[in-house]
Amino acid sequence: MASDEAFSPNEFRIEEGDSQQVRLIWGRDNDERQVVVLDRTQLPAVLRELQKQIEYESAASRGLDVLLSGKAARVAGLGFAPEPDQFRLTVYVEVPEESEGVEISLRFSKADLVKCVSAMADWLEHRSDDS
């Protein structure tokens, strides 16, 4: 795997090395793995950065509920991005009452994507019968 290629793991574990280090191990189902060795002194900074991401996601989720609750919204665009273990559909939504739009990212497993595409194809087939 190239050094700049994204690594999407299926599992994660921690192994304690010597008293000064911790090994973070991410793995895939195909036994490929990535290991990061951190000094224990680095852990507080890493935890703070992860906590920021968790707080951001929580705030964004609550904000989205408030923004879209009971309001008319219009899909302004769609983005499609296949990834190694999932498929991402990004929906760009405009809310006329608000000055800014919203980006909603949905991730589908292969099984969910097959069901979704099948349902859309069925819908299109029935719609063309009605025309």
N, C-alpha and C. Protein backbone atom coordinates (compact mmCIF):
# COMPACT_ATOMS: atom_id res chain seq x y z
N MET A 1 0.85 -1.18 0.00
CA MET A 1 0.00 0.00 0.00
C MET A 1 0.89 1.24 0.00
N ALA A 2 0.59 2.20 -0.86
CA ALA A 2 1.35 3.45 -0.91
C ALA A 2 1.19 4.21 0.39
N SER A 3 2.20 4.98 0.75
CA SER A 3 2.18 5.67 2.03
C SER A 3 1.08 6.73 2.13
N ASP A 4 0.62 7.27 0.98
CA ASP A 4 -0.44 8.29 1.03
C ASP A 4 -1.83 7.72 0.78
N GLU A 5 -1.94 6.39 0.61
CA GLU A 5 -3.26 5.77 0.40
C GLU A 5 -3.99 5.65 1.74
N ALA A 6 -5.29 5.93 1.72
CA ALA A 6 -6.09 5.84 2.94
C ALA A 6 -6.23 4.38 3.35
N PHE A 7 -6.14 4.13 4.64
CA PHE A 7 -6.27 2.78 5.19
C PHE A 7 -7.55 2.73 5.99
N SER A 8 -8.52 1.93 5.55
CA SER A 8 -9.81 1.83 6.24
C SER A 8 -9.85 0.51 7.00
N PRO A 9 -9.66 0.54 8.32
CA PRO A 9 -9.59 -0.69 9.10
C PRO A 9 -10.95 -1.25 9.48
N ASN A 10 -10.97 -2.55 9.79
CA ASN A 10 -12.16 -3.23 10.31
C ASN A 10 -12.05 -3.42 11.81
N GLU A 11 -10.83 -3.41 12.34
CA GLU A 11 -10.64 -3.69 13.76
C GLU A 11 -9.52 -2.82 14.32
N PHE A 12 -9.49 -2.74 15.63
CA PHE A 12 -8.50 -1.91 16.32
C PHE A 12 -8.16 -2.57 17.65
N ARG A 13 -6.90 -2.53 18.02
CA ARG A 13 -6.51 -3.01 19.34
C ARG A 13 -5.27 -2.26 19.81
N ILE A 14 -5.04 -2.34 21.09
CA ILE A 14 -3.88 -1.68 21.71
C ILE A 14 -3.01 -2.75 22.36
N GLU A 15 -1.72 -2.67 22.12
CA GLU A 15 -0.76 -3.55 22.79
C GLU A 15 0.19 -2.66 23.57
N GLU A 16 0.42 -3.04 24.79
CA GLU A 16 1.37 -2.27 25.60
C GLU A 16 2.77 -2.78 25.31
N GLY A 17 3.67 -1.87 24.98
CA GLY A 17 5.06 -2.21 24.77
C GLY A 17 5.78 -2.09 26.10
N ASP A 18 6.90 -1.44 26.07
CA ASP A 18 7.57 -1.18 27.35
C ASP A 18 6.78 -0.13 28.11
N SER A 19 7.24 0.25 29.25
CA SER A 19 6.46 1.16 30.09
C SER A 19 6.31 2.56 29.49
N GLN A 20 7.08 2.87 28.45
CA GLN A 20 7.04 4.21 27.86
C GLN A 20 6.25 4.28 26.55
N GLN A 21 5.84 3.12 26.01
CA GLN A 21 5.20 3.13 24.70
C GLN A 21 3.91 2.31 24.67
N VAL A 22 3.04 2.69 23.73
CA VAL A 22 1.81 1.97 23.46
C VAL A 22 1.73 1.76 21.95
N ARG A 23 1.36 0.56 21.53
CA ARG A 23 1.21 0.24 20.10
C ARG A 23 -0.27 0.22 19.74
N LEU A 24 -0.66 1.08 18.80
CA LEU A 24 -2.03 1.11 18.29
C LEU A 24 -2.03 0.33 16.98
N ILE A 25 -2.88 -0.69 16.89
CA ILE A 25 -2.86 -1.58 15.74
C ILE A 25 -4.24 -1.59 15.07
N TRP A 26 -4.26 -1.21 13.81
CA TRP A 26 -5.48 -1.26 13.01
C TRP A 26 -5.31 -2.37 11.99
N GLY A 27 -6.37 -3.16 11.79
CA GLY A 27 -6.29 -4.27 10.85
C GLY A 27 -7.48 -4.35 9.93
N ARG A 28 -7.27 -5.01 8.81
CA ARG A 28 -8.33 -5.30 7.85
C ARG A 28 -8.63 -6.78 7.88
N ASP A 29 -9.77 -7.16 7.32
CA ASP A 29 -10.14 -8.58 7.25
C ASP A 29 -9.13 -9.42 6.49
N ASN A 30 -8.40 -8.80 5.56
CA ASN A 30 -7.43 -9.54 4.75
C ASN A 30 -6.06 -9.65 5.44
N ASP A 31 -6.03 -9.40 6.75
CA ASP A 31 -4.82 -9.50 7.59
C ASP A 31 -3.81 -8.37 7.37
N GLU A 32 -4.13 -7.40 6.53
CA GLU A 32 -3.26 -6.24 6.39
C GLU A 32 -3.39 -5.41 7.65
N ARG A 33 -2.31 -4.83 8.13
CA ARG A 33 -2.41 -4.02 9.34
C ARG A 33 -1.48 -2.82 9.29
N GLN A 34 -1.82 -1.84 10.08
CA GLN A 34 -1.02 -0.63 10.27
C GLN A 34 -0.77 -0.48 11.76
N VAL A 35 0.44 -0.17 12.11
CA VAL A 35 0.81 -0.04 13.52
C VAL A 35 1.38 1.36 13.74
N VAL A 36 0.94 1.99 14.80
CA VAL A 36 1.50 3.28 15.22
C VAL A 36 1.99 3.11 16.64
N VAL A 37 3.23 3.48 16.88
CA VAL A 37 3.80 3.39 18.22
C VAL A 37 3.88 4.80 18.79
N LEU A 38 3.23 4.98 19.94
CA LEU A 38 3.22 6.29 20.60
C LEU A 38 3.92 6.21 21.94
N ASP A 39 4.65 7.27 22.26
CA ASP A 39 5.16 7.40 23.62
C ASP A 39 3.97 7.76 24.50
N ARG A 40 3.98 7.29 25.70
CA ARG A 40 2.87 7.59 26.61
C ARG A 40 2.69 9.09 26.81
N THR A 41 3.76 9.85 26.68
CA THR A 41 3.67 11.30 26.84
C THR A 41 2.83 11.93 25.71
N GLN A 42 2.68 11.23 24.56
CA GLN A 42 1.90 11.76 23.44
C GLN A 42 0.40 11.48 23.59
N LEU A 43 0.03 10.53 24.43
CA LEU A 43 -1.36 10.12 24.54
C LEU A 43 -2.32 11.25 24.92
N PRO A 44 -2.00 12.11 25.89
CA PRO A 44 -2.95 13.18 26.21
C PRO A 44 -3.28 14.07 25.01
N ALA A 45 -2.28 14.42 24.20
CA ALA A 45 -2.53 15.27 23.03
C ALA A 45 -3.38 14.54 22.00
N VAL A 46 -3.11 13.25 21.80
CA VAL A 46 -3.91 12.46 20.85
C VAL A 46 -5.36 12.38 21.34
N LEU A 47 -5.55 12.13 22.61
CA LEU A 47 -6.90 12.04 23.16
C LEU A 47 -7.65 13.36 23.04
N ARG A 48 -6.96 14.47 23.27
CA ARG A 48 -7.60 15.78 23.13
C ARG A 48 -8.08 15.99 21.69
N GLU A 49 -7.24 15.63 20.71
CA GLU A 49 -7.62 15.82 19.31
C GLU A 49 -8.80 14.93 18.93
N LEU A 50 -8.80 13.69 19.41
CA LEU A 50 -9.93 12.80 19.15
C LEU A 50 -11.21 13.33 19.79
N GLN A 51 -11.09 13.85 21.00
CA GLN A 51 -12.26 14.40 21.69
C GLN A 51 -12.84 15.58 20.91
N LYS A 52 -11.99 16.40 20.32
CA LYS A 52 -12.48 17.52 19.50
C LYS A 52 -13.32 17.01 18.35
N GLN A 53 -12.90 15.91 17.72
CA GLN A 53 -13.65 15.35 16.60
C GLN A 53 -15.00 14.81 17.06
N ILE A 54 -15.02 14.17 18.21
CA ILE A 54 -16.27 13.64 18.76
C ILE A 54 -17.22 14.79 19.10
N GLU A 55 -16.71 15.83 19.71
CA GLU A 55 -17.54 16.98 20.06
C GLU A 55 -18.06 17.67 18.81
N TYR A 56 -17.24 17.76 17.76
CA TYR A 56 -17.66 18.38 16.51
C TYR A 56 -18.81 17.60 15.89
N GLU A 57 -18.66 16.26 15.82
CA GLU A 57 -19.71 15.43 15.25
C GLU A 57 -21.00 15.55 16.03
N SER A 58 -20.91 15.55 17.36
CA SER A 58 -22.12 15.66 18.18
C SER A 58 -22.80 17.00 17.96
N ALA A 59 -22.02 18.06 17.92
CA ALA A 59 -22.59 19.40 17.72
C ALA A 59 -23.20 19.49 16.34
N ALA A 60 -22.54 18.94 15.32
CA ALA A 60 -23.07 19.00 13.96
C ALA A 60 -24.38 18.22 13.86
N SER A 61 -24.45 17.07 14.53
CA SER A 61 -25.67 16.27 14.47
C SER A 61 -26.84 17.01 15.11
N ARG A 62 -26.62 17.59 16.28
CA ARG A 62 -27.69 18.33 16.93
C ARG A 62 -28.09 19.53 16.09
N GLY A 63 -27.10 20.22 15.51
CA GLY A 63 -27.38 21.38 14.69
C GLY A 63 -28.20 21.03 13.47
N LEU A 64 -27.93 19.88 12.88
CA LEU A 64 -28.67 19.43 11.71
C LEU A 64 -30.13 19.18 12.06
N ASP A 65 -30.38 18.54 13.19
CA ASP A 65 -31.76 18.30 13.63
C ASP A 65 -32.52 19.61 13.78
N VAL A 66 -31.90 20.57 14.41
CA VAL A 66 -32.55 21.86 14.64
C VAL A 66 -32.75 22.59 13.31
N LEU A 67 -31.76 22.55 12.45
CA LEU A 67 -31.83 23.26 11.17
C LEU A 67 -32.94 22.73 10.27
N LEU A 68 -33.10 21.41 10.21
CA LEU A 68 -34.06 20.82 9.27
C LEU A 68 -35.43 20.53 9.87
N SER A 69 -35.58 20.64 11.16
CA SER A 69 -36.83 20.29 11.83
C SER A 69 -38.00 21.14 11.35
N GLY A 70 -38.95 20.49 10.67
CA GLY A 70 -40.18 21.16 10.25
C GLY A 70 -40.02 22.18 9.16
N LYS A 71 -38.86 22.22 8.49
CA LYS A 71 -38.64 23.22 7.45
C LYS A 71 -38.55 22.55 6.08
N ALA A 72 -38.93 23.30 5.07
CA ALA A 72 -38.79 22.81 3.70
C ALA A 72 -37.32 22.83 3.33
N ALA A 73 -36.86 21.77 2.68
CA ALA A 73 -35.47 21.69 2.25
C ALA A 73 -35.43 21.19 0.82
N ARG A 74 -34.37 21.55 0.10
CA ARG A 74 -34.23 21.15 -1.30
C ARG A 74 -32.85 20.53 -1.50
N VAL A 75 -32.81 19.37 -2.15
CA VAL A 75 -31.53 18.74 -2.46
C VAL A 75 -30.90 19.54 -3.61
N ALA A 76 -29.74 20.12 -3.34
CA ALA A 76 -29.08 20.98 -4.32
C ALA A 76 -28.01 20.22 -5.10
N GLY A 77 -27.59 19.06 -4.61
CA GLY A 77 -26.58 18.30 -5.32
C GLY A 77 -26.27 16.99 -4.61
N LEU A 78 -25.67 16.09 -5.36
CA LEU A 78 -25.28 14.79 -4.82
C LEU A 78 -23.82 14.54 -5.16
N GLY A 79 -23.10 13.92 -4.24
CA GLY A 79 -21.73 13.51 -4.50
C GLY A 79 -21.61 12.01 -4.25
N PHE A 80 -20.84 11.33 -5.10
CA PHE A 80 -20.68 9.89 -4.98
C PHE A 80 -19.20 9.57 -4.82
N ALA A 81 -18.86 8.73 -3.85
CA ALA A 81 -17.46 8.40 -3.62
C ALA A 81 -17.31 6.94 -3.19
N PRO A 82 -16.91 6.06 -4.12
CA PRO A 82 -16.64 4.69 -3.70
C PRO A 82 -15.39 4.65 -2.83
N GLU A 83 -15.45 3.90 -1.75
CA GLU A 83 -14.32 3.72 -0.85
C GLU A 83 -14.06 2.22 -0.74
N PRO A 84 -12.91 1.81 -0.21
CA PRO A 84 -12.59 0.38 -0.19
C PRO A 84 -13.65 -0.50 0.46
N ASP A 85 -14.21 -0.09 1.60
CA ASP A 85 -15.14 -0.95 2.33
C ASP A 85 -16.57 -0.43 2.38
N GLN A 86 -16.82 0.69 1.70
CA GLN A 86 -18.15 1.28 1.74
C GLN A 86 -18.31 2.24 0.57
N PHE A 87 -19.53 2.72 0.40
CA PHE A 87 -19.81 3.70 -0.64
C PHE A 87 -20.40 4.93 0.04
N ARG A 88 -19.86 6.09 -0.26
CA ARG A 88 -20.35 7.31 0.38
C ARG A 88 -21.19 8.12 -0.60
N LEU A 89 -22.36 8.50 -0.13
CA LEU A 89 -23.26 9.39 -0.86
C LEU A 89 -23.35 10.66 -0.04
N THR A 90 -22.98 11.77 -0.64
CA THR A 90 -23.06 13.06 0.06
C THR A 90 -24.20 13.87 -0.57
N VAL A 91 -25.10 14.32 0.28
CA VAL A 91 -26.26 15.09 -0.17
C VAL A 91 -26.06 16.54 0.27
N TYR A 92 -26.17 17.46 -0.68
CA TYR A 92 -26.06 18.89 -0.38
C TYR A 92 -27.48 19.45 -0.34
N VAL A 93 -27.88 19.96 0.80
CA VAL A 93 -29.25 20.40 1.04
C VAL A 93 -29.28 21.91 1.27
N GLU A 94 -30.23 22.57 0.63
CA GLU A 94 -30.46 23.99 0.87
C GLU A 94 -31.77 24.14 1.63
N VAL A 95 -31.75 25.00 2.64
CA VAL A 95 -32.96 25.31 3.41
C VAL A 95 -33.27 26.77 3.12
N PRO A 96 -34.35 27.04 2.37
CA PRO A 96 -34.63 28.42 1.97
C PRO A 96 -34.66 29.42 3.11
N GLU A 97 -35.11 29.00 4.29
CA GLU A 97 -35.20 29.92 5.43
C GLU A 97 -33.84 30.24 6.04
N GLU A 98 -32.83 29.48 5.69
CA GLU A 98 -31.50 29.65 6.28
C GLU A 98 -30.55 30.22 5.23
N SER A 99 -29.50 30.87 5.69
CA SER A 99 -28.55 31.47 4.76
C SER A 99 -27.49 30.48 4.26
N GLU A 100 -27.35 29.34 4.93
CA GLU A 100 -26.33 28.39 4.50
C GLU A 100 -26.94 27.01 4.26
N GLY A 101 -26.26 26.23 3.43
CA GLY A 101 -26.71 24.88 3.14
C GLY A 101 -26.12 23.88 4.13
N VAL A 102 -26.51 22.64 3.93
CA VAL A 102 -26.07 21.56 4.80
C VAL A 102 -25.53 20.43 3.94
N GLU A 103 -24.46 19.82 4.39
CA GLU A 103 -23.90 18.66 3.70
C GLU A 103 -24.12 17.44 4.59
N ILE A 104 -24.78 16.43 4.06
CA ILE A 104 -25.06 15.21 4.82
C ILE A 104 -24.35 14.06 4.14
N SER A 105 -23.49 13.37 4.88
CA SER A 105 -22.72 12.27 4.32
C SER A 105 -23.31 10.94 4.80
N LEU A 106 -23.68 10.09 3.85
CA LEU A 106 -24.25 8.78 4.15
C LEU A 106 -23.27 7.71 3.67
N ARG A 107 -23.01 6.72 4.52
CA ARG A 107 -22.12 5.63 4.13
C ARG A 107 -22.91 4.33 4.04
N PHE A 108 -22.76 3.61 2.93
CA PHE A 108 -23.49 2.38 2.67
C PHE A 108 -22.53 1.20 2.64
N SER A 109 -22.93 0.10 3.27
CA SER A 109 -22.21 -1.16 3.08
C SER A 109 -22.58 -1.67 1.68
N LYS A 110 -21.85 -2.66 1.20
CA LYS A 110 -22.16 -3.20 -0.12
C LYS A 110 -23.59 -3.74 -0.16
N ALA A 111 -24.00 -4.47 0.87
CA ALA A 111 -25.35 -5.04 0.90
C ALA A 111 -26.42 -3.95 0.89
N ASP A 112 -26.21 -2.89 1.69
CA ASP A 112 -27.19 -1.79 1.71
C ASP A 112 -27.25 -1.07 0.37
N LEU A 113 -26.09 -0.91 -0.27
CA LEU A 113 -26.06 -0.22 -1.56
C LEU A 113 -26.79 -1.03 -2.62
N VAL A 114 -26.61 -2.35 -2.61
CA VAL A 114 -27.31 -3.21 -3.57
C VAL A 114 -28.83 -3.07 -3.38
N LYS A 115 -29.30 -3.09 -2.12
CA LYS A 115 -30.73 -2.93 -1.85
C LYS A 115 -31.24 -1.57 -2.33
N CYS A 116 -30.44 -0.54 -2.07
CA CYS A 116 -30.84 0.82 -2.44
C CYS A 116 -30.95 0.96 -3.96
N VAL A 117 -29.95 0.48 -4.68
CA VAL A 117 -29.96 0.59 -6.14
C VAL A 117 -31.11 -0.23 -6.71
N SER A 118 -31.36 -1.40 -6.16
CA SER A 118 -32.47 -2.24 -6.61
C SER A 118 -33.81 -1.53 -6.41
N ALA A 119 -33.99 -0.92 -5.23
CA ALA A 119 -35.23 -0.20 -4.96
C ALA A 119 -35.40 0.99 -5.91
N MET A 120 -34.31 1.69 -6.21
CA MET A 120 -34.39 2.82 -7.14
C MET A 120 -34.74 2.35 -8.54
N ALA A 121 -34.12 1.23 -8.97
CA ALA A 121 -34.40 0.70 -10.30
C ALA A 121 -35.86 0.27 -10.40
N ASP A 122 -36.38 -0.38 -9.36
CA ASP A 122 -37.79 -0.77 -9.35
C ASP A 122 -38.70 0.46 -9.44
N TRP A 123 -38.37 1.48 -8.69
CA TRP A 123 -39.16 2.71 -8.70
C TRP A 123 -39.16 3.34 -10.10
N LEU A 124 -37.98 3.40 -10.71
CA LEU A 124 -37.87 3.99 -12.05
C LEU A 124 -38.67 3.17 -13.07
N GLU A 125 -38.60 1.86 -12.95
CA GLU A 125 -39.34 0.99 -13.86
C GLU A 125 -40.84 1.22 -13.74
N HIS A 126 -41.34 1.33 -12.52
CA HIS A 126 -42.77 1.59 -12.32
C HIS A 126 -43.17 2.99 -12.75
N ARG A 127 -42.28 3.96 -12.58
CA ARG A 127 -42.58 5.32 -13.00
C ARG A 127 -42.69 5.39 -14.52
N SER A 128 -41.83 4.65 -15.24
CA SER A 128 -41.89 4.69 -16.70
C SER A 128 -43.13 4.00 -17.22
N ASP A 129 -43.67 3.01 -16.43
CA ASP A 129 -44.92 2.36 -16.80
C ASP A 129 -46.09 3.33 -16.69
N ASP A 130 -46.01 4.28 -15.73
CA ASP A 130 -47.10 5.23 -15.50
C ASP A 130 -47.13 6.33 -16.57
N SER A 131 -46.00 6.54 -17.24
CA SER A 131 -45.91 7.64 -18.22
C SER A 131 -46.65 7.35 -19.49
